[in-house]
Amino acid sequence: MQDQDKVFLEYVVKALVDNPNDVKIDRTVDEMGVLITLTVNPADMGKIIGRMGNTAKAIRTLLRIIGMKNNARVNLKINEPEGGSRPERSEGGASSLKTVDQAMEDLKGI
């Protein structure tokens, strides 16, 4: 069975989320291996990613194990919902969030 990875992912993700009908999984195969693209309801993103990305890492690890069993390299891409709340990056690649020192200087001015 070629789609074992897709079936496994669908089972796990639908068990984790509150909106299982919004789960969409696309599977493509090319010379680099298998790419599985996961799209979930924006309200469920936190459940799929987990604290510090641990849930997503665990799912990716299990998918790679399934891939090794079938002699395939399996990668998971989790689509970010439109209007995601990721911090913006400045030109230098650093986050636009203030450092503690900058925040303390701002507080001193109050």
C-alpha atoms as a PDB file:
ATOM      1  CA  MET A   1       0.000   0.000   0.000  1.00  0.00           C
ATOM      2  CA  GLN A   2       1.637   3.238  -1.200  1.00  0.00           C
ATOM      3  CA  ASP A   3      -0.459   5.720   0.783  1.00  0.00           C
ATOM      4  CA  GLN A   4       0.228   4.337   4.270  1.00  0.00           C
ATOM      5  CA  ASP A   5       1.878   7.618   5.248  1.00  0.00           C
ATOM      6  CA  LYS A   6      -1.138   9.655   4.135  1.00  0.00           C
ATOM      7  CA  VAL A   7      -3.595   7.354   5.918  1.00  0.00           C
ATOM      8  CA  PHE A   8      -1.504   7.498   9.106  1.00  0.00           C
ATOM      9  CA  LEU A   9      -1.249  11.296   9.006  1.00  0.00           C
ATOM     10  CA  GLU A  10      -4.967  11.701   8.410  1.00  0.00           C
ATOM     11  CA  TYR A  11      -5.785   9.441  11.353  1.00  0.00           C
ATOM     12  CA  VAL A  12      -3.433  11.247  13.757  1.00  0.00           C
ATOM     13  CA  VAL A  13      -4.334  14.790  12.710  1.00  0.00           C
ATOM     14  CA  LYS A  14      -8.086  14.231  12.748  1.00  0.00           C
ATOM     15  CA  ALA A  15      -7.767  12.805  16.269  1.00  0.00           C
ATOM     16  CA  LEU A  16      -5.918  15.940  17.434  1.00  0.00           C
ATOM     17  CA  VAL A  17      -7.990  18.767  15.947  1.00  0.00           C
ATOM     18  CA  ASP A  18     -11.399  20.206  16.805  1.00  0.00           C
ATOM     19  CA  ASN A  19     -12.397  20.586  13.124  1.00  0.00           C
ATOM     20  CA  PRO A  20     -11.562  17.246  11.466  1.00  0.00           C
ATOM     21  CA  ASN A  21     -13.661  18.084   8.391  1.00  0.00           C
ATOM     22  CA  ASP A  22     -11.262  20.966   7.585  1.00  0.00           C
ATOM     23  CA  VAL A  23      -8.203  18.686   7.366  1.00  0.00           C
ATOM     24  CA  LYS A  24      -6.763  18.503   3.841  1.00  0.00           C
ATOM     25  CA  ILE A  25      -3.802  16.309   2.948  1.00  0.00           C
ATOM     26  CA  ASP A  26      -2.043  16.366  -0.436  1.00  0.00           C
ATOM     27  CA  ARG A  27       0.631  13.800  -1.309  1.00  0.00           C
ATOM     28  CA  THR A  28       3.097  14.304  -4.152  1.00  0.00           C
ATOM     29  CA  VAL A  29       6.003  12.129  -5.231  1.00  0.00           C
ATOM     30  CA  ASP A  30       9.045  13.382  -7.123  1.00  0.00           C
ATOM     31  CA  GLU A  31      12.780  12.629  -7.401  1.00  0.00           C
ATOM     32  CA  MET A  32      13.344  14.077  -3.904  1.00  0.00           C
ATOM     33  CA  GLY A  33      10.851  11.690  -2.290  1.00  0.00           C
ATOM     34  CA  VAL A  34       7.344  12.086  -0.921  1.00  0.00           C
ATOM     35  CA  LEU A  35       6.006  15.491   0.098  1.00  0.00           C
ATOM     36  CA  ILE A  36       2.865  15.532   2.192  1.00  0.00           C
ATOM     37  CA  THR A  37       1.200  18.918   2.539  1.00  0.00           C
ATOM     38  CA  LEU A  38      -1.129  19.391   5.493  1.00  0.00           C
ATOM     39  CA  THR A  39      -3.756  22.119   5.749  1.00  0.00           C
ATOM     40  CA  VAL A  40      -5.918  22.492   8.855  1.00  0.00           C
ATOM     41  CA  ASN A  41      -8.361  25.032  10.225  1.00  0.00           C
ATOM     42  CA  PRO A  42      -6.431  28.084  11.527  1.00  0.00           C
ATOM     43  CA  ALA A  43      -7.938  27.518  14.988  1.00  0.00           C
ATOM     44  CA  ASP A  44      -6.304  24.070  15.087  1.00  0.00           C
ATOM     45  CA  MET A  45      -2.761  25.127  14.137  1.00  0.00           C
ATOM     46  CA  GLY A  46      -1.615  25.249  17.756  1.00  0.00           C
ATOM     47  CA  LYS A  47      -2.708  21.673  18.332  1.00  0.00           C
ATOM     48  CA  ILE A  48      -0.761  20.453  15.297  1.00  0.00           C
ATOM     49  CA  ILE A  49       2.400  22.453  16.021  1.00  0.00           C
ATOM     50  CA  GLY A  50       2.391  21.900  19.791  1.00  0.00           C
ATOM     51  CA  ARG A  51       4.558  23.621  22.366  1.00  0.00           C
ATOM     52  CA  MET A  52       7.847  24.652  20.804  1.00  0.00           C
ATOM     53  CA  GLY A  53       6.945  22.551  17.760  1.00  0.00           C
ATOM     54  CA  ASN A  54       7.171  19.254  19.613  1.00  0.00           C
ATOM     55  CA  THR A  55       3.953  17.771  18.218  1.00  0.00           C
ATOM     56  CA  ALA A  56       4.930  18.631  14.644  1.00  0.00           C
ATOM     57  CA  LYS A  57       8.417  17.171  15.211  1.00  0.00           C
ATOM     58  CA  ALA A  58       6.933  13.941  16.553  1.00  0.00           C
ATOM     59  CA  ILE A  59       4.553  13.609  13.590  1.00  0.00           C
ATOM     60  CA  ARG A  60       7.438  14.242  11.152  1.00  0.00           C
ATOM     61  CA  THR A  61       9.590  11.632  12.894  1.00  0.00           C
ATOM     62  CA  LEU A  62       6.854   9.010  12.692  1.00  0.00           C
ATOM     63  CA  LEU A  63       6.246   9.808   9.020  1.00  0.00           C
ATOM     64  CA  ARG A  64       9.958   9.363   8.279  1.00  0.00           C
ATOM     65  CA  ILE A  65       9.893   5.971   9.996  1.00  0.00           C
ATOM     66  CA  ILE A  66       6.931   4.915   7.863  1.00  0.00           C
ATOM     67  CA  GLY A  67       8.839   6.172   4.820  1.00  0.00           C
ATOM     68  CA  MET A  68      11.959   4.181   5.721  1.00  0.00           C
ATOM     69  CA  LYS A  69       9.820   1.068   6.019  1.00  0.00           C
ATOM     70  CA  ASN A  70       8.650   1.692   2.432  1.00  0.00           C
ATOM     71  CA  ASN A  71      12.065   2.845   1.091  1.00  0.00           C
ATOM     72  CA  ALA A  72      10.903   6.433   0.598  1.00  0.00           C
ATOM     73  CA  ARG A  73      11.927   9.804   2.013  1.00  0.00           C
ATOM     74  CA  VAL A  74       8.829  11.429   3.478  1.00  0.00           C
ATOM     75  CA  ASN A  75       8.640  15.146   4.306  1.00  0.00           C
ATOM     76  CA  LEU A  76       5.741  17.005   5.891  1.00  0.00           C
ATOM     77  CA  LYS A  77       4.875  20.595   5.053  1.00  0.00           C
ATOM     78  CA  ILE A  78       2.304  22.269   7.279  1.00  0.00           C
ATOM     79  CA  ASN A  79       0.588  25.116   5.437  1.00  0.00           C
ATOM     80  CA  GLU A  80       0.429  28.316   7.427  1.00  0.00           C
ATOM     81  CA  PRO A  81      -3.057  29.847   7.384  1.00  0.00           C
ATOM     82  CA  GLU A  82      -3.638  33.224   5.761  1.00  0.00           C
ATOM     83  CA  GLY A  83      -3.063  36.013   8.239  1.00  0.00           C
ATOM     84  CA  GLY A  84      -0.822  33.885  10.455  1.00  0.00           C
ATOM     85  CA  SER A  85       0.589  35.554  13.541  1.00  0.00           C
ATOM     86  CA  ARG A  86       4.274  34.915  12.945  1.00  0.00           C
ATOM     87  CA  PRO A  87       6.498  37.847  13.986  1.00  0.00           C
ATOM     88  CA  GLU A  88       7.727  39.922  11.077  1.00  0.00           C
ATOM     89  CA  ARG A  89      11.423  39.732  10.247  1.00  0.00           C
ATOM     90  CA  SER A  90      13.567  42.787   9.621  1.00  0.00           C
ATOM     91  CA  GLU A  91      16.100  43.025   6.777  1.00  0.00           C
ATOM     92  CA  GLY A  92      18.923  41.601   8.889  1.00  0.00           C
ATOM     93  CA  GLY A  93      16.910  38.461   9.589  1.00  0.00           C
ATOM     94  CA  ALA A  94      16.347  39.348  13.235  1.00  0.00           C
ATOM     95  CA  SER A  95      12.880  39.458  14.677  1.00  0.00           C
ATOM     96  CA  SER A  96      11.185  42.843  14.943  1.00  0.00           C
ATOM     97  CA  LEU A  97      10.490  42.125  18.616  1.00  0.00           C
ATOM     98  CA  LYS A  98      12.270  44.386  21.091  1.00  0.00           C
ATOM     99  CA  THR A  99      15.114  43.194  23.246  1.00  0.00           C
ATOM    100  CA  VAL A 100      14.761  43.335  27.016  1.00  0.00           C
ATOM    101  CA  ASP A 101      17.150  46.323  27.149  1.00  0.00           C
ATOM    102  CA  GLN A 102      15.078  48.237  24.590  1.00  0.00           C
ATOM    103  CA  ALA A 103      11.884  47.532  26.513  1.00  0.00           C
ATOM    104  CA  MET A 104      13.510  48.695  29.768  1.00  0.00           C
ATOM    105  CA  GLU A 105      14.604  51.955  28.092  1.00  0.00           C
ATOM    106  CA  ASP A 106      11.039  52.491  26.882  1.00  0.00           C
ATOM    107  CA  LEU A 107       9.717  51.962  30.413  1.00  0.00           C
ATOM    108  CA  LYS A 108      12.191  54.461  31.863  1.00  0.00           C
ATOM    109  CA  GLY A 109      10.723  57.149  29.613  1.00  0.00           C
ATOM    110  CA  ILE A 110       7.242  56.699  31.100  1.00  0.00           C
END
